[in-house]
Amino acid sequence: MLMHSVTDPADPHERLLDACCAAIERGEIDVLFQPQFRIQDGAIVGAEALARWAHPIDGAIAPEMLFMLAAERGCVPQLTRHVAHRALAVAAGWPDHLRLSVNITPADVAAPGFASDFAALVAQARFEPARLTVEITEEVLLADVQAAAAVLGKLRALGIAIALDDFGAGFCNFRYLKLLPLSGLKLDRTMVEGIADDPRDLAVLRGICAMARALGLVVTVEGIEMPAQLAAVSGESCETYQGFLSAPPMSAADFAQLAAQQR
């Protein structure tokens, strides 16, 4: 007798796996915006687009979990395209001084035609490439760094900034800094958690910032939650930050209202 595997609807992980790709296709994945601030004066300089999925049973699904589910089901490229398309459409209406950051994955970079497809998305939205930053995570090893460098180089040639995301959360492959056409580093929240009261943590931050300056890379810090953390990074030549100290991720309408208050 043949036994067929049956998905247990009571298992949250299996339930989310089954619904993930369909939710992307139906446009049910929302996009929130995490405001980014200039450290020097606290002015809003832009926002990072973050995927959010409000599952009818399991509630709000964080971006990290959503991308993990999409990876298991093989629909990461569709998710990345969906988020970028929505974010670019919103950001096209922002004032010209505000930047947009969007996330891509190694799976996206490895997909055939990714650079031209992404460039077409930007052109379709009529968004100025010089105001766009593409963030690729440092935590996941790129299978072919040379090939990834070529793909990212095509985006950089259009004026799009390339940032290494979550720097410090993984294995810190410094070879990426040499081979990838980077314009910035985004320090993971784990790099700033102890800088206010641990001299060793602060020393590590200073070392990374010094290296970034030597390479001509812009440094963005995420996960700033306390005034002491902001004070610490302000003395280390970091340019921008994001975190709950100043603003949580928010809807497009709320971000537009917040940005308008600073004009």
Protein backbone atom coordinates (compact mmCIF):
# COMPACT_ATOMS: atom_id res chain seq x y z
CA MET A 1 0.00 0.00 0.00
CA LEU A 2 1.42 3.37 -1.01
CA MET A 3 1.71 5.97 1.72
CA HIS A 4 1.27 9.60 0.74
CA SER A 5 2.76 12.35 2.87
CA VAL A 6 0.11 14.75 4.06
CA THR A 7 0.94 18.23 5.26
CA ASP A 8 -0.18 18.76 8.81
CA PRO A 9 -2.23 22.00 8.80
CA ALA A 10 -1.52 22.34 12.52
CA ASP A 11 2.24 22.67 11.88
CA PRO A 12 2.89 26.44 11.51
CA HIS A 13 6.06 25.95 9.46
CA GLU A 14 4.39 23.63 6.97
CA ARG A 15 1.36 25.89 6.80
CA LEU A 16 3.53 28.91 6.01
CA LEU A 17 5.55 26.97 3.45
CA ASP A 18 2.40 25.95 1.63
CA ALA A 19 1.07 29.51 1.52
CA CYS A 20 4.29 31.48 0.93
CA CYS A 21 4.65 31.45 -2.85
CA ALA A 22 0.92 31.79 -3.42
CA ALA A 23 0.88 34.87 -1.20
CA ILE A 24 3.63 36.42 -3.30
CA GLU A 25 1.76 35.69 -6.52
CA ARG A 26 -1.44 37.23 -5.12
CA GLY A 27 0.40 40.37 -4.02
CA GLU A 28 -0.30 39.77 -0.34
CA ILE A 29 3.24 40.63 0.78
CA ASP A 30 3.27 44.20 2.05
CA VAL A 31 6.24 46.56 2.13
CA LEU A 32 7.21 48.66 5.14
CA PHE A 33 9.87 51.34 5.25
CA GLN A 34 12.59 51.61 7.91
CA PRO A 35 13.67 55.27 8.06
CA GLN A 36 17.39 55.99 7.83
CA PHE A 37 18.93 59.05 9.46
CA ARG A 38 22.10 61.05 8.99
CA ILE A 39 24.18 60.73 12.13
CA GLN A 40 25.58 64.25 11.92
CA ASP A 41 22.26 66.07 12.32
CA GLY A 42 19.51 63.44 12.58
CA ALA A 43 17.93 64.32 9.23
CA ILE A 44 16.04 61.63 7.36
CA VAL A 45 18.04 60.56 4.31
CA GLY A 46 15.92 57.67 3.07
CA ALA A 47 14.51 54.28 4.02
CA GLU A 48 15.06 50.56 3.66
CA ALA A 49 12.21 48.56 2.13
CA LEU A 50 11.22 45.55 4.25
CA ALA A 51 8.83 42.75 3.35
CA ARG A 52 5.99 42.00 5.74
CA TRP A 53 3.45 39.20 5.49
CA ALA A 54 0.33 39.33 7.62
CA HIS A 55 -0.66 35.65 7.66
CA PRO A 56 -4.35 35.15 8.58
CA ILE A 57 -3.49 32.49 11.18
CA ASP A 58 0.12 33.04 12.22
CA GLY A 59 0.10 36.82 12.20
CA ALA A 60 2.99 39.06 11.16
CA ILE A 61 5.89 37.19 9.56
CA ALA A 62 9.28 38.91 9.83
CA PRO A 63 11.36 39.48 6.67
CA GLU A 64 14.02 36.97 7.71
CA MET A 65 11.45 34.19 8.15
CA LEU A 66 9.66 35.14 4.95
CA PHE A 67 12.83 34.88 2.88
CA MET A 68 13.73 31.57 4.57
CA LEU A 69 10.33 30.18 3.59
CA ALA A 70 10.68 31.51 0.05
CA ALA A 71 14.12 29.91 -0.20
CA GLU A 72 12.71 26.52 0.83
CA ARG A 73 10.02 26.83 -1.82
CA GLY A 74 12.35 28.26 -4.47
CA CYS A 75 10.49 31.54 -4.96
CA VAL A 76 13.05 34.05 -3.64
CA PRO A 77 13.45 35.81 -7.02
CA GLN A 78 9.70 36.39 -7.17
CA LEU A 79 9.71 37.78 -3.63
CA THR A 80 12.64 40.10 -4.31
CA ARG A 81 11.03 41.38 -7.48
CA HIS A 82 7.69 41.93 -5.72
CA VAL A 83 9.25 43.95 -2.90
CA ALA A 84 11.48 45.98 -5.22
CA HIS A 85 8.59 46.74 -7.59
CA ARG A 86 6.35 48.01 -4.78
CA ALA A 87 9.10 49.93 -3.03
CA LEU A 88 10.27 51.67 -6.20
CA ALA A 89 6.71 52.68 -7.07
CA VAL A 90 6.35 54.33 -3.66
CA ALA A 91 9.81 55.93 -3.61
CA ALA A 92 9.26 57.46 -7.04
CA GLY A 93 6.99 59.95 -5.29
CA TRP A 94 9.50 60.92 -2.60
CA PRO A 95 11.43 64.21 -2.58
CA ASP A 96 14.64 64.01 -4.59
CA HIS A 97 16.93 64.06 -1.55
CA LEU A 98 15.60 60.77 -0.14
CA ARG A 99 17.24 57.43 -0.97
CA LEU A 100 15.75 53.94 -1.15
CA SER A 101 17.51 50.74 -0.07
CA VAL A 102 16.28 47.34 -1.23
CA ASN A 103 17.57 43.89 -0.37
CA ILE A 104 18.69 41.21 -2.77
CA THR A 105 20.01 37.71 -2.10
CA PRO A 106 22.79 35.56 -3.57
CA ALA A 107 20.02 33.54 -5.27
CA ASP A 108 18.90 36.69 -7.08
CA VAL A 109 22.42 37.56 -8.19
CA ALA A 110 22.93 34.02 -9.51
CA ALA A 111 19.70 34.07 -11.54
CA PRO A 112 20.18 34.51 -15.33
CA GLY A 113 19.47 38.05 -16.48
CA PHE A 114 19.09 39.47 -12.99
CA ALA A 115 20.98 42.72 -13.64
CA SER A 116 19.01 43.61 -16.78
CA ASP A 117 15.68 42.61 -15.18
CA PHE A 118 16.40 44.72 -12.08
CA ALA A 119 17.51 47.67 -14.20
CA ALA A 120 14.24 47.41 -16.12
CA LEU A 121 12.30 47.58 -12.84
CA VAL A 122 14.12 50.77 -11.88
CA ALA A 123 13.54 52.32 -15.29
CA GLN A 124 9.86 51.35 -15.25
CA ALA A 125 9.41 53.10 -11.91
CA ARG A 126 11.23 56.18 -13.27
CA PHE A 127 13.37 56.19 -10.15
CA GLU A 128 16.80 57.79 -10.36
CA PRO A 129 19.40 54.99 -10.03
CA ALA A 130 21.76 57.32 -8.13
CA ARG A 131 19.19 57.42 -5.30
CA LEU A 132 19.05 53.64 -4.99
CA THR A 133 21.12 51.30 -2.82
CA VAL A 134 21.06 47.53 -3.29
CA GLU A 135 21.96 45.59 -0.15
CA ILE A 136 23.27 42.05 -0.39
CA THR A 137 23.70 40.08 2.79
CA GLU A 138 27.18 39.25 4.06
CA GLU A 139 25.88 36.36 6.13
CA VAL A 140 25.40 34.01 3.18
CA LEU A 141 28.41 32.80 1.22
CA LEU A 142 28.30 33.70 -2.44
CA ALA A 143 28.92 30.54 -4.44
CA ASP A 144 30.78 32.37 -7.23
CA VAL A 145 32.19 35.68 -6.05
CA GLN A 146 33.66 36.57 -9.44
CA ALA A 147 30.32 36.05 -11.17
CA ALA A 148 28.52 38.01 -8.45
CA ALA A 149 31.00 40.85 -8.85
CA ALA A 150 30.26 41.00 -12.58
CA VAL A 151 26.50 41.13 -12.00
CA LEU A 152 26.73 43.75 -9.27
CA GLY A 153 29.17 45.70 -11.41
CA LYS A 154 26.45 46.12 -14.04
CA LEU A 155 24.18 47.70 -11.44
CA ARG A 156 26.99 49.89 -10.14
CA ALA A 157 27.63 51.09 -13.70
CA LEU A 158 24.06 52.42 -13.77
CA GLY A 159 24.76 54.54 -10.70
CA ILE A 160 23.16 52.16 -8.17
CA ALA A 161 25.07 51.92 -4.89
CA ILE A 162 26.00 48.43 -3.65
CA ALA A 163 26.18 47.79 0.10
CA LEU A 164 27.26 44.67 1.96
CA ASP A 165 24.44 44.06 4.44
CA ASP A 166 24.57 42.50 7.92
CA PHE A 167 28.33 42.97 8.08
CA GLY A 168 29.65 41.30 11.22
CA ALA A 169 26.74 38.89 11.69
CA GLY A 170 28.36 36.05 9.74
CA PHE A 171 31.88 35.05 8.89
CA CYS A 172 33.12 38.51 7.79
CA ASN A 173 34.58 37.38 4.49
CA PHE A 174 36.98 40.26 3.85
CA ARG A 175 37.59 38.91 0.36
CA TYR A 176 34.20 40.37 -0.55
CA LEU A 177 35.56 43.84 0.23
CA LYS A 178 38.30 43.30 -2.32
CA LEU A 179 36.31 41.68 -5.13
CA LEU A 180 32.78 43.11 -5.00
CA PRO A 181 32.07 46.59 -6.43
CA LEU A 182 30.91 47.93 -3.08
CA SER A 183 30.11 51.52 -2.18
CA GLY A 184 29.09 50.88 1.42
CA LEU A 185 28.92 48.61 4.45
CA LYS A 186 25.88 48.10 6.65
CA LEU A 187 26.88 46.98 10.13
CA ASP A 188 24.69 44.37 11.75
CA ARG A 189 22.97 45.19 15.03
CA THR A 190 25.24 42.71 16.81
CA MET A 191 28.15 45.06 16.09
CA VAL A 192 26.64 47.86 18.20
CA GLU A 193 24.85 46.03 21.01
CA GLY A 194 27.71 46.47 23.50
CA ILE A 195 29.59 49.52 22.23
CA ALA A 196 28.18 51.82 24.93
CA ASP A 197 29.73 49.89 27.83
CA ASP A 198 32.23 47.35 26.44
CA PRO A 199 35.62 48.76 25.36
CA ARG A 200 36.38 45.69 23.25
CA ASP A 201 33.13 46.03 21.31
CA LEU A 202 33.88 49.70 20.71
CA ALA A 203 37.41 48.84 19.59
CA VAL A 204 36.03 46.37 17.03
CA LEU A 205 33.64 49.02 15.71
CA ARG A 206 36.49 51.52 15.41
CA GLY A 207 38.61 49.02 13.52
CA ILE A 208 35.85 48.27 11.01
CA CYS A 209 35.09 51.96 10.51
CA ALA A 210 38.78 52.71 9.94
CA MET A 211 38.95 49.94 7.36
CA ALA A 212 35.81 51.26 5.64
CA ARG A 213 37.30 54.77 5.47
CA ALA A 214 40.47 53.38 3.93
CA LEU A 215 38.40 51.64 1.27
CA GLY A 216 36.19 54.66 0.62
CA LEU A 217 33.03 52.90 1.83
CA VAL A 218 30.02 54.62 3.35
CA VAL A 219 29.05 53.06 6.70
CA THR A 220 25.44 52.60 7.81
CA VAL A 221 24.65 51.20 11.25
CA GLU A 222 21.47 49.30 12.00
CA GLY A 223 19.92 48.37 15.33
CA ILE A 224 20.47 51.67 17.14
CA GLU A 225 18.13 51.49 20.15
CA MET A 226 19.80 53.63 22.83
CA PRO A 227 21.15 57.21 22.87
CA ALA A 228 24.51 55.89 24.14
CA GLN A 229 24.85 53.71 21.03
CA LEU A 230 24.14 56.66 18.76
CA ALA A 231 26.66 58.77 20.65
CA ALA A 232 29.29 56.06 20.23
CA VAL A 233 28.86 55.65 16.46
CA SER A 234 28.72 59.40 15.91
CA GLY A 235 32.41 59.62 16.77
CA GLU A 236 33.47 56.85 14.38
CA SER A 237 32.82 58.39 10.96
CA CYS A 238 29.64 56.40 10.38
CA GLU A 239 27.34 58.29 8.02
CA THR A 240 23.83 56.96 8.62
CA TYR A 241 21.87 54.79 11.00
CA GLN A 242 18.51 53.14 11.50
CA GLY A 243 16.84 51.68 14.54
CA PHE A 244 14.01 51.88 17.03
CA LEU A 245 15.66 54.79 18.86
CA SER A 246 14.38 57.11 16.14
CA ALA A 247 11.77 55.16 14.18
CA PRO A 248 10.47 51.62 13.65
CA PRO A 249 9.51 50.21 10.24
CA MET A 250 6.34 51.93 9.06
CA SER A 251 3.86 52.16 6.24
CA ALA A 252 4.54 54.21 3.14
CA ALA A 253 2.03 56.84 4.27
CA ASP A 254 3.58 57.14 7.74
CA PHE A 255 7.07 57.45 6.27
CA ALA A 256 5.94 60.21 3.91
CA GLN A 257 4.40 62.06 6.85
CA LEU A 258 7.55 61.67 8.95
CA ALA A 259 9.76 62.89 6.11
CA ALA A 260 7.49 65.86 5.50
CA GLN A 261 7.87 66.96 9.12
CA GLN A 262 11.61 67.41 8.60
CA ARG A 263 11.39 69.44 5.41
